[in-house]
Protein backbone atom coordinates (compact mmCIF):
# COMPACT_ATOMS: atom_id res chain seq x y z
CA MET A 1 178.44 81.83 206.33
CA HIS A 2 175.36 81.58 204.76
CA PRO A 3 173.93 80.78 200.86
CA MET A 4 174.02 83.62 198.90
CA ARG A 5 171.00 84.81 196.92
CA HIS A 6 170.93 84.48 193.41
CA GLY A 7 173.70 82.07 192.57
CA TYR A 8 173.10 79.69 190.21
CA THR A 9 176.09 77.82 188.55
CA ASN A 10 178.28 77.52 191.67
CA HIS A 11 178.01 77.20 195.36
CA THR A 12 178.53 80.75 196.87
CA THR A 13 178.66 81.62 200.66
CA GLY A 14 179.19 84.84 202.76
CA ASP A 15 179.03 86.29 206.00
CA GLY A 16 178.84 90.20 205.36
CA SER A 17 182.64 90.43 205.28
CA VAL A 18 183.82 87.65 202.96
CA VAL A 19 182.12 85.90 200.26
CA VAL A 20 183.53 82.17 199.08
CA LYS A 21 183.06 80.52 195.73
CA ARG A 22 182.94 77.26 195.50
CA TYR A 23 182.98 76.43 191.40
CA HIS A 24 180.91 73.69 189.88
CA GLY A 25 180.50 72.12 186.80
CA PRO A 26 182.62 71.57 183.70
CA GLY A 27 186.04 73.27 183.41
CA ARG A 28 185.62 74.62 186.74
CA GLU A 29 189.25 74.77 186.99
CA ALA A 30 189.86 77.48 184.21
CA ARG A 31 186.84 79.39 185.12
CA LEU A 32 188.21 80.08 188.51
CA ALA A 33 191.59 80.89 187.34
CA ARG A 34 190.33 83.20 184.71
CA GLU A 35 187.71 84.78 187.13
CA ARG A 36 190.85 85.07 189.71
CA GLN A 37 192.92 86.85 186.81
CA LEU A 38 190.54 89.28 185.67
CA LEU A 39 189.48 90.36 189.24
CA ALA A 40 193.23 90.79 189.74
CA HIS A 41 193.67 93.02 186.86
CA LEU A 42 190.51 95.21 186.97
CA GLN A 43 191.22 96.28 190.52
CA GLY A 44 191.00 99.91 190.28
CA VAL A 45 189.68 100.08 187.01
CA LEU A 46 185.99 98.44 187.62
CA PRO A 47 184.55 97.97 191.06
CA VAL A 48 185.09 94.44 191.54
CA PRO A 49 185.54 92.20 194.91
CA PRO A 50 189.22 91.74 195.82
CA VAL A 51 190.55 88.29 195.74
CA LEU A 52 191.70 87.50 199.29
CA ALA A 53 192.55 83.92 198.70
CA ALA A 54 192.66 80.89 196.37
CA GLN A 55 192.54 76.98 197.19
CA GLY A 56 191.27 74.33 195.64
CA ASP A 57 188.21 75.06 193.86
CA GLU A 58 187.54 77.87 196.11
CA LEU A 59 187.96 81.70 196.11
CA THR A 60 187.74 83.94 198.79
CA LEU A 61 186.51 87.43 197.77
CA GLY A 62 186.23 90.65 199.71
CA HIS A 63 182.43 91.79 200.18
CA LEU A 64 181.28 94.79 198.55
CA PRO A 65 178.14 96.79 199.46
CA GLY A 66 175.27 97.66 197.32
CA VAL A 67 171.76 95.93 196.47
CA PRO A 68 171.77 93.58 193.42
CA ALA A 69 170.40 95.41 190.37
CA GLN A 70 167.77 92.77 189.54
CA ASP A 71 166.16 93.50 192.69
CA LEU A 72 166.23 97.22 192.31
CA LEU A 73 164.74 96.62 188.61
CA ASP A 74 161.91 94.44 190.27
CA ALA A 75 161.43 97.26 192.45
CA GLY A 76 160.58 99.58 189.91
CA HIS A 77 163.53 101.02 188.91
CA GLY A 78 164.09 100.20 185.55
CA PRO A 79 165.13 103.25 183.91
CA GLN A 80 167.84 104.09 186.74
CA VAL A 81 169.20 100.33 186.62
CA LEU A 82 169.25 99.96 182.92
CA ALA A 83 171.06 103.34 182.16
CA THR A 84 173.50 101.98 184.58
CA CYS A 85 174.06 98.73 182.77
CA GLY A 86 174.73 101.10 179.72
CA ARG A 87 177.19 102.97 180.87
CA VAL A 88 178.95 100.24 182.77
CA LEU A 89 178.88 98.13 179.64
CA ARG A 90 180.58 100.87 177.51
CA ARG A 91 183.53 101.06 180.33
CA LEU A 92 183.89 97.47 180.18
CA GLN A 93 184.10 97.63 176.32
CA GLU A 94 187.00 100.13 176.43
CA LEU A 95 189.09 98.30 178.35
CA ASP A 96 192.13 96.81 176.53
CA PRO A 97 191.19 93.63 175.37
CA GLY A 98 194.83 92.31 175.90
CA VAL A 99 193.78 91.20 179.48
CA LEU A 100 193.06 87.51 178.36
CA ALA A 101 194.70 87.52 174.97
CA ASN A 102 197.92 85.36 174.48
CA GLY A 103 199.01 87.56 171.60
CA PRO A 104 197.18 90.24 169.38
CA ALA A 105 193.53 90.43 170.05
CA THR A 106 191.06 89.69 166.74
CA SER A 107 190.35 93.20 165.31
CA GLY A 108 187.06 94.24 167.00
CA ALA A 109 186.91 91.87 169.85
CA VAL A 110 186.38 93.32 173.07
CA LEU A 111 186.39 91.83 176.70
CA VAL A 112 183.36 89.99 176.87
CA HIS A 113 181.91 89.57 180.69
CA GLY A 114 180.08 86.68 179.38
CA ASP A 115 176.88 87.23 181.98
CA PHE A 116 176.57 90.54 181.72
CA GLY A 117 173.41 92.09 183.03
CA PRO A 118 171.67 93.13 186.36
CA ASN A 119 171.87 90.03 187.91
CA ASN A 120 175.58 90.58 188.05
CA LEU A 121 175.90 93.91 189.33
CA LEU A 122 175.44 95.45 192.85
CA LEU A 123 173.97 99.22 192.85
CA ASP A 124 174.07 101.84 195.32
CA PRO A 125 170.18 101.88 195.91
CA VAL A 126 170.27 105.71 196.22
CA THR A 127 172.63 106.98 193.45
CA PHE A 128 172.09 103.78 191.61
CA GLU A 129 175.91 104.06 190.75
CA ILE A 130 178.03 100.89 190.16
CA THR A 131 179.52 99.12 193.21
CA ALA A 132 180.50 96.05 191.82
CA VAL A 133 180.49 94.21 188.72
CA LEU A 134 180.58 90.60 189.65
CA ASP A 135 181.13 86.64 188.27
CA TRP A 136 183.50 86.87 185.63
CA GLU A 137 184.20 83.03 185.16
CA PHE A 138 182.93 83.18 182.02
CA ALA A 139 184.59 86.19 180.67
CA HIS A 140 186.27 85.73 176.95
CA LEU A 141 187.25 87.83 174.02
CA GLY A 142 184.26 88.65 171.46
CA ASP A 143 181.66 90.45 169.82
CA PRO A 144 180.59 94.08 171.43
CA VAL A 145 176.76 92.58 170.66
CA GLU A 146 177.34 89.84 173.01
CA ASP A 147 176.93 91.44 176.40
CA LEU A 148 174.53 94.20 174.80
CA ALA A 149 172.36 91.56 173.82
CA TRP A 150 172.57 89.16 177.09
CA CYS A 151 171.65 92.37 179.21
CA GLU A 152 168.76 92.65 177.19
CA TRP A 153 167.94 89.13 177.04
CA ILE A 154 167.91 89.30 180.61
CA VAL A 155 165.42 91.83 180.91
CA ARG A 156 163.28 90.34 178.46
CA MET A 157 163.17 86.99 179.91
CA HIS A 158 163.25 87.42 183.55
CA HIS A 159 161.78 91.31 183.89
CA PRO A 160 159.59 91.49 180.86
CA ASP A 161 157.47 94.24 182.66
CA HIS A 162 160.18 96.87 181.79
CA LEU A 163 160.87 96.28 178.18
CA ASP A 164 160.03 99.76 177.97
CA ALA A 165 163.22 101.21 179.75
CA LEU A 166 165.59 99.11 177.68
CA ASP A 167 165.94 102.36 175.54
CA HIS A 168 167.65 103.63 178.82
CA LEU A 169 170.22 100.58 178.04
CA PHE A 170 171.03 101.71 174.88
CA ARG A 171 171.18 105.37 175.32
CA ALA A 172 173.33 104.88 178.08
CA TYR A 173 175.31 102.63 176.47
CA ASP A 174 176.39 105.45 173.60
CA ARG A 175 177.70 103.24 170.66
CA PRO A 176 175.94 101.94 167.62
CA VAL A 177 173.68 99.19 168.69
CA PRO A 178 173.40 96.46 166.22
CA PRO A 179 170.17 95.70 164.50
CA TRP A 180 167.95 93.07 166.29
CA PRO A 181 168.26 90.25 163.79
CA GLU A 182 171.61 90.28 165.06
CA ARG A 183 170.89 90.73 168.75
CA ARG A 184 168.54 87.94 168.68
CA ARG A 185 171.56 85.84 167.15
CA SER A 186 173.44 86.47 169.90
CA MET A 187 171.31 85.45 172.34
CA LEU A 188 170.61 82.36 170.78
CA ALA A 189 174.10 81.58 170.56
CA THR A 190 174.66 82.27 174.27
CA CYS A 191 171.14 79.86 174.85
CA ALA A 192 172.91 77.15 172.81
CA TRP A 193 176.26 77.45 174.58
CA LEU A 194 174.50 77.63 178.09
CA GLU A 195 172.17 74.40 177.03
CA ASP A 196 175.84 72.54 175.86
CA PHE A 197 177.13 73.60 179.15
CA CYS A 198 174.50 72.09 181.01
CA ARG A 199 174.61 68.81 179.09
CA ARG A 200 178.29 68.29 180.03
CA ARG A 201 177.11 68.72 183.59
CA ASP A 202 174.17 66.49 183.24
CA PRO A 203 173.10 65.20 180.12
CA SER A 204 169.95 64.37 181.65
CA GLY A 205 169.46 67.08 184.04
CA PRO A 206 166.59 69.66 184.18
CA GLY A 207 169.31 72.52 183.07
CA VAL A 208 169.29 70.99 179.19
CA ARG A 209 165.70 71.02 178.91
CA GLN A 210 165.14 74.46 180.42
CA TRP A 211 167.59 75.93 177.88
CA GLU A 212 166.15 74.34 175.03
CA GLU A 213 162.93 75.59 176.18
CA ARG A 214 164.39 79.31 176.99
CA ALA A 215 166.05 79.15 173.01
CA ARG A 216 162.69 78.44 171.67
CA THR A 217 160.98 81.55 173.55
CA THR A 218 163.78 83.42 172.51
CA ALA A 219 163.30 82.37 168.61
CA GLY A 220 159.67 83.66 168.89
CA TRP A 221 160.48 87.15 169.99
CA SER A 222 160.09 89.88 167.58
CA ASP A 223 161.53 93.71 168.24
CA ASP A 224 158.10 95.20 169.46
CA ARG A 225 158.00 96.79 172.71
């Protein structure tokens, strides 16, 4: 088993056939249970890893093929990658939100992945079709703008050379795109939530300062691309 690339919140290892995800930080039991529930529910609905075992603070998942979408983005395939992101997000938001609801879902609420973007997708490197949607531990019911805005945030923050390709995301999404002020408010709300998550994990740790700085950067963005 060796450490998996692109893992940040938890400790994730794999050997090419299975992936073992060990949860860390605040609410790890609830996050594990939520991801386990959703992966079971979404089998055959979206391409997600199968749960092979659950023990303590670990999930053992089946390995799925594909290349991290962020690597394909950095390799210059912005239009193709972001178009796939838009199509996948539309499919996700068409799912029954009742999978996470104890009762009737709030009107207009959708299943929100919680960290949606090229950072959590695997794609076929030739066709750019989706092979896996990963990391469902932050999933919840919420506003459709949340995942759309966060996917945009990932591009703006980590892949700024591909800002021009965001139009491919919005076109493939094929739903009304909220105006920029609403998308930025959603980005800032997620930054604040992640700052609080880091503060609960380590009040004086570098994660708190990192998210404070990212929030300041986000607040200074305009819609000019």
